[in-house]
Protein backbone atom coordinates (compact mmCIF):
# COMPACT_ATOMS: atom_id res chain seq x y z
CA MET A 1 28.50 67.11 200.22
CA ALA A 2 27.67 70.65 199.23
CA PRO A 3 28.43 72.18 202.73
CA ALA A 4 31.86 70.17 203.20
CA PHE A 5 32.83 71.06 199.41
CA CYS A 6 32.49 74.86 200.13
CA ALA A 7 34.49 74.45 203.34
CA GLY A 8 37.27 72.35 201.52
CA LEU A 9 37.34 75.38 199.10
CA GLY A 10 37.46 78.06 201.26
CA SER A 11 40.17 76.33 203.53
CA LEU A 12 42.11 75.82 199.93
CA ARG A 13 41.68 79.70 199.31
CA ARG A 14 42.95 80.81 202.84
CA SER A 15 45.96 78.40 202.70
CA GLY A 16 46.98 80.16 199.30
CA PHE A 17 46.82 77.02 196.97
CA PHE A 18 45.30 79.06 194.08
CA LYS A 19 47.71 81.78 194.17
CA SER A 20 50.74 79.48 194.09
CA ARG A 21 49.19 77.48 191.45
CA ALA A 22 48.80 80.57 189.27
CA LYS A 23 52.08 82.16 190.02
CA ALA A 24 53.63 78.59 188.99
CA SER A 25 51.85 78.70 185.64
CA ILE A 26 52.93 82.18 185.17
CA CYS A 27 56.42 81.24 185.52
CA THR A 28 56.14 78.26 183.36
CA ARG A 29 54.55 80.37 180.50
CA LYS A 30 57.11 83.16 180.97
CA PRO A 31 59.95 81.00 179.49
CA GLN A 32 58.05 79.64 176.73
CA ILE A 33 57.24 83.37 175.54
CA HIS A 34 60.80 84.52 175.88
CA GLY A 35 62.06 81.32 173.94
CA ARG A 36 59.45 82.49 170.99
CA MET A 37 60.22 86.10 171.27
CA ALA A 38 64.13 84.98 170.96
CA ARG A 39 63.45 82.51 168.03
CA LYS A 40 61.55 85.59 166.07
CA ARG A 41 64.18 87.66 166.90
CA GLY A 42 66.76 85.26 165.21
CA GLN A 43 64.75 84.62 162.15
CA MET A 44 64.19 88.69 162.12
CA GLN A 45 68.09 89.05 162.19
CA MET A 46 68.72 86.15 159.71
CA SER A 47 66.49 87.36 157.42
CA GLN A 48 68.13 90.91 157.40
CA MET A 49 71.38 89.52 157.11
CA LEU A 50 70.24 87.44 154.02
CA ILE A 51 68.94 90.46 152.62
CA GLY A 52 71.69 92.75 153.54
CA LEU A 53 73.91 89.88 151.55
CA ALA A 54 71.49 90.06 148.67
CA LEU A 55 71.40 93.89 148.20
CA ASN A 56 75.56 93.83 148.66
CA SER A 57 75.66 91.28 145.75
CA ILE A 58 73.06 93.37 143.72
CA ILE A 59 75.00 96.51 144.29
CA GLY A 60 78.16 94.69 143.57
CA THR A 61 76.97 93.23 140.30
CA LEU A 62 75.32 96.65 139.26
CA LYS A 63 78.93 98.38 139.73
CA LYS A 64 80.79 95.67 137.79
CA ALA A 65 78.41 96.05 134.87
CA SER A 66 78.59 99.88 135.18
CA ASP A 67 82.52 99.42 135.41
CA SER A 68 82.60 97.00 132.27
CA ASN A 69 80.24 99.21 130.45
CA GLU A 70 82.57 102.35 130.95
CA GLY A 71 85.40 100.34 130.05
CA ASP A 72 83.80 98.88 126.65
CA ARG A 73 82.55 102.70 125.86
CA THR A 74 86.55 103.97 126.41
CA THR A 75 87.52 100.84 124.27
CA LYS A 76 84.79 101.33 121.87
CA ALA A 77 85.90 105.42 121.58
CA GLU A 78 89.57 104.25 121.19
CA LYS A 79 88.71 102.05 118.58
CA LEU A 80 86.84 104.69 117.00
CA LYS A 81 89.51 107.22 117.30
CA ARG A 82 92.28 104.61 115.74
CA ARG A 83 89.91 103.75 112.83
CA ILE A 84 89.35 107.46 112.18
CA GLN A 85 93.36 108.26 112.47
CA ASN A 86 94.10 104.85 110.31
CA ARG A 87 91.03 104.94 108.09
CA GLU A 88 91.72 103.61 104.61
CA TRP A 89 91.38 106.74 102.22
CA ALA A 90 93.96 106.38 99.93
CA THR A 91 92.98 103.45 98.17
CA PRO A 92 89.24 104.64 97.43
CA LEU A 93 90.77 108.29 96.51
CA ILE A 94 93.18 106.54 93.87
CA ILE A 95 90.07 104.57 92.60
CA LEU A 96 87.93 107.64 92.50
CA ILE A 97 90.43 109.60 90.21
CA ASN A 98 90.85 106.52 88.26
CA LEU A 99 86.88 106.74 87.38
CA VAL A 100 86.82 110.31 86.86
CA VAL A 101 89.67 110.24 84.34
CA TYR A 102 87.89 107.40 82.64
CA ILE A 103 84.49 109.23 82.51
CA MET A 104 86.28 112.32 81.29
CA ASP A 105 88.24 110.42 78.60
CA LYS A 106 85.80 107.92 77.25
CA LEU A 107 82.29 109.08 78.09
CA LEU A 108 82.62 113.02 77.79
CA HIS A 109 85.27 112.68 75.34
CA ILE A 110 87.20 115.78 76.42
CA PRO A 111 90.16 116.55 73.99
CA ALA A 112 92.80 117.42 76.36
CA MET A 113 92.59 114.02 78.27
CA SER A 114 94.32 112.27 75.46
CA SER A 115 97.56 114.36 76.72
CA LEU A 116 97.53 112.52 80.12
CA THR A 117 98.86 109.38 78.27
CA LEU A 118 102.29 108.64 78.45
CA ARG A 119 103.89 109.15 74.53
CA VAL A 120 107.58 108.33 73.76
CA LYS A 121 106.99 110.94 70.72
CA GLY A 122 105.95 114.09 72.48
CA PHE A 123 107.25 112.94 76.09
CA HIS A 124 106.44 114.96 79.16
CA SER A 125 107.68 114.15 82.64
CA TRP A 126 104.26 114.83 84.11
CA GLN A 127 102.81 112.13 81.87
CA LEU A 128 104.77 109.36 83.75
CA VAL A 129 102.11 110.24 86.77
CA THR A 130 99.02 110.90 84.85
CA SER A 131 99.25 107.81 82.64
CA LEU A 132 98.78 105.92 85.81
CA PHE A 133 95.13 107.01 85.70
CA CYS A 134 94.18 106.53 82.35
CA HIS A 135 92.70 103.20 80.70
CA ASN A 136 91.76 101.81 77.37
CA ASP A 137 88.39 100.57 78.42
CA TRP A 138 86.09 99.61 80.69
CA HIS A 139 87.69 95.89 81.12
CA HIS A 140 91.11 97.45 81.40
CA LEU A 141 89.93 99.63 84.12
CA SER A 142 87.79 97.27 86.20
CA SER A 143 90.33 94.37 86.33
CA ASN A 144 92.97 97.08 87.17
CA LEU A 145 90.53 98.57 90.20
CA PHE A 146 89.67 95.37 91.44
CA LEU A 147 93.35 94.28 91.75
CA LEU A 148 94.38 97.79 93.50
CA PHE A 149 91.22 97.53 96.07
CA PHE A 150 92.59 94.29 97.35
CA PHE A 151 96.22 94.70 97.41
CA GLY A 152 95.88 98.58 97.87
CA ARG A 153 94.10 97.99 101.42
CA LEU A 154 96.62 95.28 102.23
CA VAL A 155 99.42 97.85 101.65
CA GLU A 156 97.66 100.72 103.32
CA GLU A 157 96.70 98.88 106.41
CA GLU A 158 100.55 97.86 106.93
CA HIS A 159 101.79 101.37 106.10
CA GLY A 160 99.07 104.11 105.94
CA GLY A 161 97.62 106.13 103.34
CA ILE A 162 100.56 108.44 102.76
CA VAL A 163 103.33 106.02 102.71
CA PHE A 164 100.98 103.82 100.39
CA THR A 165 100.03 106.65 98.17
CA LEU A 166 104.21 107.40 97.59
CA MET A 167 104.74 103.65 97.11
CA TYR A 168 101.71 103.43 94.35
CA LEU A 169 103.39 106.42 92.67
CA PHE A 170 107.09 104.96 92.61
CA CYS A 171 106.55 101.70 91.30
CA GLY A 172 104.33 103.38 88.37
CA VAL A 173 106.65 105.87 87.38
CA MET A 174 109.68 103.49 87.82
CA SER A 175 107.39 101.12 85.45
CA ASN A 176 106.66 103.76 82.88
CA LEU A 177 110.56 105.02 83.04
CA ALA A 178 111.47 101.58 82.12
CA CYS A 179 109.07 101.32 79.42
CA VAL A 180 109.87 104.49 77.92
CA TYR A 181 113.87 103.66 77.74
CA PHE A 182 112.96 100.49 75.80
CA ALA A 183 110.19 101.38 73.93
CA ALA A 184 109.80 102.46 70.43
CA LYS A 185 109.28 106.03 69.08
CA ASN A 186 105.62 105.34 68.31
CA ALA A 187 104.45 103.48 71.47
CA VAL A 188 101.59 105.25 73.89
CA PHE A 189 101.66 103.80 77.05
CA LEU A 190 98.57 103.74 79.92
CA GLY A 191 97.03 102.29 82.88
CA SER A 192 98.11 101.36 86.58
CA SER A 193 99.28 97.92 86.13
CA GLY A 194 102.92 98.76 86.66
CA ALA A 195 101.82 100.42 90.09
CA ILE A 196 99.84 97.67 91.05
CA TYR A 197 102.61 94.72 90.20
CA GLY A 198 104.56 96.91 92.59
CA LEU A 199 101.83 96.55 95.00
CA PHE A 200 101.85 92.98 94.45
CA VAL A 201 105.48 92.28 96.02
CA ILE A 202 104.91 94.87 98.72
CA SER A 203 102.08 93.16 100.00
CA VAL A 204 103.49 89.79 99.91
CA LEU A 205 106.67 90.62 101.71
CA THR A 206 105.14 93.01 104.35
CA ARG A 207 102.50 90.25 105.05
CA PHE A 208 104.99 87.76 106.20
CA ARG A 209 104.95 87.29 110.09
CA LEU A 210 105.64 84.12 112.19
CA SER A 211 102.13 83.62 113.24
CA TRP A 212 99.71 81.09 111.70
CA LYS A 213 97.34 83.73 110.32
CA ARG A 214 99.98 85.83 108.65
CA LEU A 215 101.49 82.52 107.22
CA VAL A 216 98.07 81.67 105.81
CA GLU A 217 97.71 85.04 104.17
CA PHE A 218 101.40 84.99 102.97
CA CYS A 219 100.54 81.49 101.31
CA VAL A 220 97.54 82.71 99.36
CA ILE A 221 98.70 86.23 98.16
CA GLY A 222 102.00 84.96 97.70
CA ASN A 223 100.84 82.05 95.28
CA PHE A 224 98.80 84.30 93.70
CA VAL A 225 101.64 86.89 93.00
CA ALA A 226 103.90 84.37 91.91
CA SER A 227 101.80 82.88 89.31
CA THR A 228 100.71 85.92 88.02
CA THR A 229 104.56 87.18 87.59
CA PHE A 230 105.83 83.76 86.07
CA ALA A 231 102.86 84.04 83.65
CA GLU A 232 104.08 87.63 82.82
CA VAL A 233 107.68 86.04 82.32
CA GLY A 234 106.15 83.41 79.99
CA ALA A 235 104.12 86.18 77.96
CA MET A 236 107.14 88.15 77.76
CA ASN A 237 109.48 85.64 76.35
CA THR A 238 107.17 84.90 73.68
CA SER A 239 107.11 88.50 72.60
CA MET A 240 110.90 88.87 72.89
CA GLY A 241 112.58 90.43 69.81
CA ARG A 242 110.27 93.04 69.33
CA LYS A 243 110.20 96.49 70.53
CA LEU A 244 107.50 97.94 72.89
CA GLY A 245 104.84 99.33 70.97
CA SER A 246 106.43 98.41 67.70
CA ALA A 247 104.24 98.05 64.45
CA SER A 248 105.34 94.49 63.96
CA ALA A 249 103.14 93.52 66.92
CA ALA A 250 100.37 91.22 66.33
CA LYS A 251 97.67 93.71 67.61
CA TYR A 252 98.11 97.56 68.10
CA ILE A 253 97.21 97.44 71.47
CA GLN A 254 99.11 95.23 73.49
CA VAL A 255 99.55 93.86 77.07
CA ASN A 256 102.86 95.82 78.68
CA HIS A 257 104.01 92.49 80.35
CA PHE A 258 107.35 94.40 80.56
CA GLY A 259 106.10 97.11 82.43
CA HIS A 260 104.42 94.90 84.58
CA LEU A 261 107.59 93.24 85.66
CA ALA A 262 109.37 96.58 86.03
CA GLY A 263 106.62 97.45 88.49
CA ALA A 264 107.20 94.54 90.59
CA ALA A 265 110.87 94.94 90.43
CA ALA A 266 110.46 98.38 91.56
CA GLY A 267 108.50 97.30 94.51
CA LEU A 268 111.03 95.06 95.59
CA LEU A 269 113.77 97.62 95.06
CA LEU A 270 111.72 100.06 97.26
CA LEU A 271 111.48 97.60 100.05
CA PHE A 272 115.17 96.99 100.20
CA LEU A 273 115.85 100.58 100.28
CA VAL A 274 113.37 101.16 103.22
CA ARG A 275 114.83 98.20 105.11
CA ALA A 276 118.16 99.71 104.74
CA VAL A 277 117.66 103.37 105.67
CA LEU A 278 115.51 102.01 108.75
CA GLY A 279 118.69 99.83 109.51
CA LYS A 280 121.01 102.38 109.58
CA LYS A 281 119.00 104.80 111.76
CA LYS A 282 118.55 101.85 114.27
């Protein structure tokens, strides 16, 4: 068996059987290797594409975030500029002046402060303005400052600090002029109530807009102003027949209901004048 097996192997070698089988095995392996390589290349390309898309999306989101941050910064800067330009300075300034005058008059007792009040006997024109910053006691001052803080800011938001200051002075001076004209000779007037009642009317009429927020503000503020004004009318009707500041009054220190209504009328008159002038210019 051994010599015959060896002779058969030798004949197979000589015939090239093993070479052909080896070549066949090599040829069958090459397509398998190429297929694996192609699959690996495809997987690598797909992963590269996915990584690229992820990077592009990340870069895009970062750019959008930076652009939005820059936009927010610009809007914040613009808002800050607007706040600085339209900052409410007049209302706090008038409140501060009232406080300083009260401290100098009631706490420091400076004699010259008494000349700032509006006196019918010994009248001076500058008292029409200076009396707006004088008050009788702390309750008188605090109530006026609270109303000034609320309604003054409403008017100043709409018209700005300079226009608000002119409106405040106009209503106060017109109220004082009406009081001087109808008052007794011994009357003395002080306080900013006339100017504040003028701000009542201006704030209500200028806040009216055809939007639900402004309509709510108009109804709330208008209700307060209307009820306060009607209360002043009723109080003045009960004191009709007496001169303002006359000795026949029940108390020496009286609430100047007539001056309040005169200030409200001055605010209404001012709005009509302003709208008439603006209408002519248009």
